[in-house]
Amino acid sequence: MTSQEIRTSLLAVDPEFKRLAEQHSQCESRLEEILNSSYLSGEDLIQEVTLKKLKLHLKDQMESIIAHHQRPYSH
């Protein structure tokens, strides 16, 4: 299975993975709002950095789950 196939499967059956993916998407949407703004306040800049860090953390968690499912089960 490819990473994308595992991701699609996890979105359908794993509530934790789905929650992480939704949070990641929300961060992305908010970042787009900030970056498309004609004026960025100091607070916006801080929020931009915070969202980027959170987004990266969420992606790392999702990638960890995917990697766990890519490993063959050894019993």
PDB file of N, CA and C in Angstrom:
ATOM      1  N   MET A   1       0.827  -1.191   0.000  1.00  0.00           N
ATOM      2  CA  MET A   1       0.000   0.000   0.000  1.00  0.00           C
ATOM      3  C   MET A   1       0.872   1.255   0.000  1.00  0.00           C
ATOM      4  N   THR A   2       0.469   2.244  -0.756  1.00  0.00           N
ATOM      5  CA  THR A   2       1.192   3.514  -0.774  1.00  0.00           C
ATOM      6  C   THR A   2       0.766   4.364   0.421  1.00  0.00           C
ATOM      7  N   SER A   3       1.542   5.392   0.693  1.00  0.00           N
ATOM      8  CA  SER A   3       1.198   6.317   1.785  1.00  0.00           C
ATOM      9  C   SER A   3      -0.176   6.942   1.566  1.00  0.00           C
ATOM     10  N   GLN A   4      -0.472   7.300   0.324  1.00  0.00           N
ATOM     11  CA  GLN A   4      -1.766   7.922   0.026  1.00  0.00           C
ATOM     12  C   GLN A   4      -2.910   6.943   0.262  1.00  0.00           C
ATOM     13  N   GLU A   5      -2.726   5.683  -0.105  1.00  0.00           N
ATOM     14  CA  GLU A   5      -3.762   4.670   0.122  1.00  0.00           C
ATOM     15  C   GLU A   5      -3.978   4.440   1.611  1.00  0.00           C
ATOM     16  N   ILE A   6      -2.887   4.407   2.361  1.00  0.00           N
ATOM     17  CA  ILE A   6      -2.995   4.242   3.816  1.00  0.00           C
ATOM     18  C   ILE A   6      -3.698   5.447   4.414  1.00  0.00           C
ATOM     19  N   ARG A   7      -3.332   6.642   3.957  1.00  0.00           N
ATOM     20  CA  ARG A   7      -3.963   7.880   4.450  1.00  0.00           C
ATOM     21  C   ARG A   7      -5.471   7.853   4.201  1.00  0.00           C
ATOM     22  N   THR A   8      -5.867   7.485   2.990  1.00  0.00           N
ATOM     23  CA  THR A   8      -7.285   7.422   2.641  1.00  0.00           C
ATOM     24  C   THR A   8      -8.015   6.417   3.528  1.00  0.00           C
ATOM     25  N   SER A   9      -7.394   5.285   3.733  1.00  0.00           N
ATOM     26  CA  SER A   9      -7.984   4.249   4.583  1.00  0.00           C
ATOM     27  C   SER A   9      -8.109   4.742   6.030  1.00  0.00           C
ATOM     28  N   LEU A  10      -7.048   5.369   6.539  1.00  0.00           N
ATOM     29  CA  LEU A  10      -7.072   5.863   7.919  1.00  0.00           C
ATOM     30  C   LEU A  10      -8.130   6.952   8.117  1.00  0.00           C
ATOM     31  N   LEU A  11      -8.303   7.803   7.120  1.00  0.00           N
ATOM     32  CA  LEU A  11      -9.336   8.839   7.223  1.00  0.00           C
ATOM     33  C   LEU A  11     -10.723   8.223   7.377  1.00  0.00           C
ATOM     34  N   ALA A  12     -10.907   7.055   6.789  1.00  0.00           N
ATOM     35  CA  ALA A  12     -12.210   6.397   6.836  1.00  0.00           C
ATOM     36  C   ALA A  12     -12.436   5.616   8.135  1.00  0.00           C
ATOM     37  N   VAL A  13     -11.357   5.097   8.737  1.00  0.00           N
ATOM     38  CA  VAL A  13     -11.553   4.178   9.872  1.00  0.00           C
ATOM     39  C   VAL A  13     -10.923   4.613  11.188  1.00  0.00           C
ATOM     40  N   ASP A  14     -10.019   5.576  11.170  1.00  0.00           N
ATOM     41  CA  ASP A  14      -9.304   5.960  12.392  1.00  0.00           C
ATOM     42  C   ASP A  14      -9.728   7.358  12.843  1.00  0.00           C
ATOM     43  N   PRO A  15     -10.525   7.433  13.917  1.00  0.00           N
ATOM     44  CA  PRO A  15     -11.014   8.751  14.375  1.00  0.00           C
ATOM     45  C   PRO A  15      -9.890   9.709  14.776  1.00  0.00           C
ATOM     46  N   GLU A  16      -8.819   9.197  15.364  1.00  0.00           N
ATOM     47  CA  GLU A  16      -7.703  10.055  15.769  1.00  0.00           C
ATOM     48  C   GLU A  16      -7.006  10.640  14.543  1.00  0.00           C
ATOM     49  N   PHE A  17      -6.767   9.825  13.532  1.00  0.00           N
ATOM     50  CA  PHE A  17      -6.131  10.299  12.306  1.00  0.00           C
ATOM     51  C   PHE A  17      -7.024  11.332  11.626  1.00  0.00           C
ATOM     52  N   LYS A  18      -8.304  11.068  11.607  1.00  0.00           N
ATOM     53  CA  LYS A  18      -9.258  11.998  10.998  1.00  0.00           C
ATOM     54  C   LYS A  18      -9.255  13.341  11.737  1.00  0.00           C
ATOM     55  N   ARG A  19      -9.207  13.287  13.064  1.00  0.00           N
ATOM     56  CA  ARG A  19      -9.171  14.504  13.884  1.00  0.00           C
ATOM     57  C   ARG A  19      -7.915  15.313  13.578  1.00  0.00           C
ATOM     58  N   LEU A  20      -6.772  14.624  13.487  1.00  0.00           N
ATOM     59  CA  LEU A  20      -5.514  15.304  13.169  1.00  0.00           C
ATOM     60  C   LEU A  20      -5.575  15.948  11.789  1.00  0.00           C
ATOM     61  N   ALA A  21      -6.122  15.225  10.820  1.00  0.00           N
ATOM     62  CA  ALA A  21      -6.224  15.748   9.453  1.00  0.00           C
ATOM     63  C   ALA A  21      -7.147  16.968   9.399  1.00  0.00           C
ATOM     64  N   GLU A  22      -8.235  16.930  10.160  1.00  0.00           N
ATOM     65  CA  GLU A  22      -9.158  18.070  10.185  1.00  0.00           C
ATOM     66  C   GLU A  22      -8.497  19.287  10.817  1.00  0.00           C
ATOM     67  N   GLN A  23      -7.760  19.068  11.909  1.00  0.00           N
ATOM     68  CA  GLN A  23      -7.054  20.177  12.552  1.00  0.00           C
ATOM     69  C   GLN A  23      -6.009  20.764  11.601  1.00  0.00           C
ATOM     70  N   HIS A  24      -5.309  19.898  10.898  1.00  0.00           N
ATOM     71  CA  HIS A  24      -4.291  20.335   9.934  1.00  0.00           C
ATOM     72  C   HIS A  24      -4.936  21.204   8.858  1.00  0.00           C
ATOM     73  N   SER A  25      -6.081  20.777   8.377  1.00  0.00           N
ATOM     74  CA  SER A  25      -6.807  21.522   7.347  1.00  0.00           C
ATOM     75  C   SER A  25      -7.280  22.879   7.882  1.00  0.00           C
ATOM     76  N   GLN A  26      -7.747  22.911   9.122  1.00  0.00           N
ATOM     77  CA  GLN A  26      -8.189  24.168   9.730  1.00  0.00           C
ATOM     78  C   GLN A  26      -7.015  25.145   9.865  1.00  0.00           C
ATOM     79  N   CYS A  27      -5.849  24.630  10.253  1.00  0.00           N
ATOM     80  CA  CYS A  27      -4.658  25.477  10.348  1.00  0.00           C
ATOM     81  C   CYS A  27      -4.298  26.045   8.985  1.00  0.00           C
ATOM     82  N   GLU A  28      -4.361  25.201   7.968  1.00  0.00           N
ATOM     83  CA  GLU A  28      -4.051  25.633   6.604  1.00  0.00           C
ATOM     84  C   GLU A  28      -5.006  26.739   6.159  1.00  0.00           C
ATOM     85  N   SER A  29      -6.290  26.579   6.440  1.00  0.00           N
ATOM     86  CA  SER A  29      -7.291  27.583   6.059  1.00  0.00           C
ATOM     87  C   SER A  29      -7.023  28.912   6.758  1.00  0.00           C
ATOM     88  N   ARG A  30      -6.744  28.837   8.053  1.00  0.00           N
ATOM     89  CA  ARG A  30      -6.482  30.062   8.810  1.00  0.00           C
ATOM     90  C   ARG A  30      -5.201  30.740   8.313  1.00  0.00           C
ATOM     91  N   LEU A  31      -4.177  29.951   8.004  1.00  0.00           N
ATOM     92  CA  LEU A  31      -2.942  30.513   7.466  1.00  0.00           C
ATOM     93  C   LEU A  31      -3.198  31.237   6.149  1.00  0.00           C
ATOM     94  N   GLU A  32      -4.006  30.643   5.299  1.00  0.00           N
ATOM     95  CA  GLU A  32      -4.342  31.289   4.025  1.00  0.00           C
ATOM     96  C   GLU A  32      -5.041  32.619   4.257  1.00  0.00           C
ATOM     97  N   GLU A  33      -5.956  32.662   5.234  1.00  0.00           N
ATOM     98  CA  GLU A  33      -6.640  33.916   5.556  1.00  0.00           C
ATOM     99  C   GLU A  33      -5.632  34.987   5.972  1.00  0.00           C
ATOM    100  N   ILE A  34      -4.707  34.594   6.832  1.00  0.00           N
ATOM    101  CA  ILE A  34      -3.707  35.548   7.319  1.00  0.00           C
ATOM    102  C   ILE A  34      -2.829  36.029   6.171  1.00  0.00           C
ATOM    103  N   LEU A  35      -2.344  35.099   5.360  1.00  0.00           N
ATOM    104  CA  LEU A  35      -1.415  35.451   4.291  1.00  0.00           C
ATOM    105  C   LEU A  35      -2.079  36.235   3.163  1.00  0.00           C
ATOM    106  N   ASN A  36      -3.388  36.092   3.004  1.00  0.00           N
ATOM    107  CA  ASN A  36      -4.104  36.842   1.969  1.00  0.00           C
ATOM    108  C   ASN A  36      -4.569  38.207   2.443  1.00  0.00           C
ATOM    109  N   SER A  37      -4.322  38.497   3.701  1.00  0.00           N
ATOM    110  CA  SER A  37      -4.696  39.789   4.259  1.00  0.00           C
ATOM    111  C   SER A  37      -3.772  40.875   3.704  1.00  0.00           C
ATOM    112  N   SER A  38      -4.341  42.047   3.455  1.00  0.00           N
ATOM    113  CA  SER A  38      -3.533  43.142   2.908  1.00  0.00           C
ATOM    114  C   SER A  38      -2.618  43.760   3.973  1.00  0.00           C
ATOM    115  N   TYR A  39      -2.974  43.583   5.237  1.00  0.00           N
ATOM    116  CA  TYR A  39      -2.158  44.120   6.320  1.00  0.00           C
ATOM    117  C   TYR A  39      -2.018  43.051   7.391  1.00  0.00           C
ATOM    118  N   LEU A  40      -0.785  42.811   7.831  1.00  0.00           N
ATOM    119  CA  LEU A  40      -0.545  41.847   8.898  1.00  0.00           C
ATOM    120  C   LEU A  40      -0.111  42.589  10.151  1.00  0.00           C
ATOM    121  N   SER A  41      -0.879  42.417  11.199  1.00  0.00           N
ATOM    122  CA  SER A  41      -0.519  43.017  12.487  1.00  0.00           C
ATOM    123  C   SER A  41       0.541  42.130  13.151  1.00  0.00           C
ATOM    124  N   GLY A  42       1.096  42.621  14.233  1.00  0.00           N
ATOM    125  CA  GLY A  42       2.053  41.829  15.002  1.00  0.00           C
ATOM    126  C   GLY A  42       1.418  40.534  15.489  1.00  0.00           C
ATOM    127  N   GLU A  43       0.158  40.640  15.897  1.00  0.00           N
ATOM    128  CA  GLU A  43      -0.576  39.461  16.366  1.00  0.00           C
ATOM    129  C   GLU A  43      -0.745  38.441  15.227  1.00  0.00           C
ATOM    130  N   ASP A  44      -1.023  38.940  14.025  1.00  0.00           N
ATOM    131  CA  ASP A  44      -1.159  38.053  12.860  1.00  0.00           C
ATOM    132  C   ASP A  44       0.152  37.311  12.587  1.00  0.00           C
ATOM    133  N   LEU A  45       1.260  38.016  12.695  1.00  0.00           N
ATOM    134  CA  LEU A  45       2.557  37.401  12.444  1.00  0.00           C
ATOM    135  C   LEU A  45       2.867  36.318  13.472  1.00  0.00           C
ATOM    136  N   ILE A  46       2.528  36.594  14.721  1.00  0.00           N
ATOM    137  CA  ILE A  46       2.727  35.597  15.780  1.00  0.00           C
ATOM    138  C   ILE A  46       1.822  34.395  15.532  1.00  0.00           C
ATOM    139  N   GLN A  47       0.574  34.658  15.172  1.00  0.00           N
ATOM    140  CA  GLN A  47      -0.356  33.565  14.900  1.00  0.00           C
ATOM    141  C   GLN A  47       0.110  32.743  13.697  1.00  0.00           C
ATOM    142  N   GLU A  48       0.675  33.413  12.693  1.00  0.00           N
ATOM    143  CA  GLU A  48       1.188  32.706  11.516  1.00  0.00           C
ATOM    144  C   GLU A  48       2.266  31.695  11.927  1.00  0.00           C
ATOM    145  N   VAL A  49       3.216  32.139  12.740  1.00  0.00           N
ATOM    146  CA  VAL A  49       4.294  31.255  13.192  1.00  0.00           C
ATOM    147  C   VAL A  49       3.727  30.110  14.037  1.00  0.00           C
ATOM    148  N   THR A  50       2.807  30.441  14.933  1.00  0.00           N
ATOM    149  CA  THR A  50       2.203  29.431  15.793  1.00  0.00           C
ATOM    150  C   THR A  50       1.442  28.385  14.969  1.00  0.00           C
ATOM    151  N   LEU A  51       0.684  28.846  13.993  1.00  0.00           N
ATOM    152  CA  LEU A  51      -0.072  27.921  13.146  1.00  0.00           C
ATOM    153  C   LEU A  51       0.854  27.033  12.319  1.00  0.00           C
ATOM    154  N   LYS A  52       1.936  27.591  11.818  1.00  0.00           N
ATOM    155  CA  LYS A  52       2.890  26.801  11.041  1.00  0.00           C
ATOM    156  C   LYS A  52       3.502  25.702  11.906  1.00  0.00           C
ATOM    157  N   LYS A  53       3.848  26.048  13.137  1.00  0.00           N
ATOM    158  CA  LYS A  53       4.413  25.044  14.054  1.00  0.00           C
ATOM    159  C   LYS A  53       3.389  23.968  14.386  1.00  0.00           C
ATOM    160  N   LEU A  54       2.152  24.379  14.656  1.00  0.00           N
ATOM    161  CA  LEU A  54       1.091  23.416  14.969  1.00  0.00           C
ATOM    162  C   LEU A  54       0.817  22.513  13.773  1.00  0.00           C
ATOM    163  N   LYS A  55       0.767  23.114  12.598  1.00  0.00           N
ATOM    164  CA  LYS A  55       0.524  22.356  11.372  1.00  0.00           C
ATOM    165  C   LYS A  55       1.617  21.304  11.162  1.00  0.00           C
ATOM    166  N   LEU A  56       2.857  21.691  11.386  1.00  0.00           N
ATOM    167  CA  LEU A  56       3.976  20.757  11.250  1.00  0.00           C
ATOM    168  C   LEU A  56       3.873  19.631  12.283  1.00  0.00           C
ATOM    169  N   HIS A  57       3.524  19.984  13.505  1.00  0.00           N
ATOM    170  CA  HIS A  57       3.364  18.981  14.566  1.00  0.00           C
ATOM    171  C   HIS A  57       2.260  17.981  14.200  1.00  0.00           C
ATOM    172  N   LEU A  58       1.143  18.486  13.704  1.00  0.00           N
ATOM    173  CA  LEU A  58       0.036  17.614  13.304  1.00  0.00           C
ATOM    174  C   LEU A  58       0.456  16.696  12.156  1.00  0.00           C
ATOM    175  N   LYS A  59       1.181  17.262  11.197  1.00  0.00           N
ATOM    176  CA  LYS A  59       1.643  16.459  10.062  1.00  0.00           C
ATOM    177  C   LYS A  59       2.597  15.358  10.539  1.00  0.00           C
ATOM    178  N   ASP A  60       3.482  15.696  11.466  1.00  0.00           N
ATOM    179  CA  ASP A  60       4.404  14.698  12.021  1.00  0.00           C
ATOM    180  C   ASP A  60       3.640  13.563  12.692  1.00  0.00           C
ATOM    181  N   GLN A  61       2.591  13.904  13.443  1.00  0.00           N
ATOM    182  CA  GLN A  61       1.775  12.878  14.097  1.00  0.00           C
ATOM    183  C   GLN A  61       1.095  11.989  13.063  1.00  0.00           C
ATOM    184  N   MET A  62       0.557  12.592  12.012  1.00  0.00           N
ATOM    185  CA  MET A  62      -0.116  11.820  10.965  1.00  0.00           C
ATOM    186  C   MET A  62       0.888  10.925  10.240  1.00  0.00           C
ATOM    187  N   GLU A  63       2.070  11.449   9.949  1.00  0.00           N
ATOM    188  CA  GLU A  63       3.095  10.656   9.271  1.00  0.00           C
ATOM    189  C   GLU A  63       3.548   9.491  10.139  1.00  0.00           C
ATOM    190  N   SER A  64       3.595   9.700  11.438  1.00  0.00           N
ATOM    191  CA  SER A  64       3.965   8.631  12.358  1.00  0.00           C
ATOM    192  C   SER A  64       2.930   7.497  12.317  1.00  0.00           C
ATOM    193  N   ILE A  65       1.668   7.861  12.280  1.00  0.00           N
ATOM    194  CA  ILE A  65       0.603   6.857  12.191  1.00  0.00           C
ATOM    195  C   ILE A  65       0.693   6.112  10.867  1.00  0.00           C
ATOM    196  N   ILE A  66       0.923   6.838   9.778  1.00  0.00           N
ATOM    197  CA  ILE A  66       1.062   6.207   8.459  1.00  0.00           C
ATOM    198  C   ILE A  66       2.252   5.250   8.459  1.00  0.00           C
ATOM    199  N   ALA A  67       3.388   5.690   9.002  1.00  0.00           N
ATOM    200  CA  ALA A  67       4.590   4.847   9.039  1.00  0.00           C
ATOM    201  C   ALA A  67       4.333   3.573   9.836  1.00  0.00           C
ATOM    202  N   HIS A  68       3.586   3.713  10.925  1.00  0.00           N
ATOM    203  CA  HIS A  68       3.244   2.541  11.744  1.00  0.00           C
ATOM    204  C   HIS A  68       2.438   1.533  10.924  1.00  0.00           C
ATOM    205  N   HIS A  69       1.561   2.014  10.083  1.00  0.00           N
ATOM    206  CA  HIS A  69       0.731   1.122   9.261  1.00  0.00           C
ATOM    207  C   HIS A  69       1.470   0.588   8.032  1.00  0.00           C
ATOM    208  N   GLN A  70       2.586   1.209   7.669  1.00  0.00           N
ATOM    209  CA  GLN A  70       3.367   0.733   6.526  1.00  0.00           C
ATOM    210  C   GLN A  70       4.271  -0.433   6.904  1.00  0.00           C
ATOM    211  N   ARG A  71       4.646  -0.495   8.171  1.00  0.00           N
ATOM    212  CA  ARG A  71       5.526  -1.574   8.621  1.00  0.00           C
ATOM    213  C   ARG A  71       4.779  -2.898   8.595  1.00  0.00           C
ATOM    214  N   PRO A  72       5.422  -3.926   8.090  1.00  0.00           N
ATOM    215  CA  PRO A  72       4.761  -5.241   8.124  1.00  0.00           C
ATOM    216  C   PRO A  72       4.630  -5.707   9.561  1.00  0.00           C
ATOM    217  N   TYR A  73       3.546  -6.338   9.838  1.00  0.00           N
ATOM    218  CA  TYR A  73       3.314  -6.863  11.182  1.00  0.00           C
ATOM    219  C   TYR A  73       4.210  -8.067  11.403  1.00  0.00           C
ATOM    220  N   SER A  74       4.912  -8.069  12.503  1.00  0.00           N
ATOM    221  CA  SER A  74       5.762  -9.218  12.828  1.00  0.00           C
ATOM    222  C   SER A  74       5.280  -9.816  14.144  1.00  0.00           C
ATOM    223  N   HIS A  75       4.911 -11.062  14.093  1.00  0.00           N
ATOM    224  CA  HIS A  75       4.419 -11.753  15.288  1.00  0.00           C
ATOM    225  C   HIS A  75       5.266 -12.959  15.532  1.00  0.00           C
TER     226      HIS A  75
END
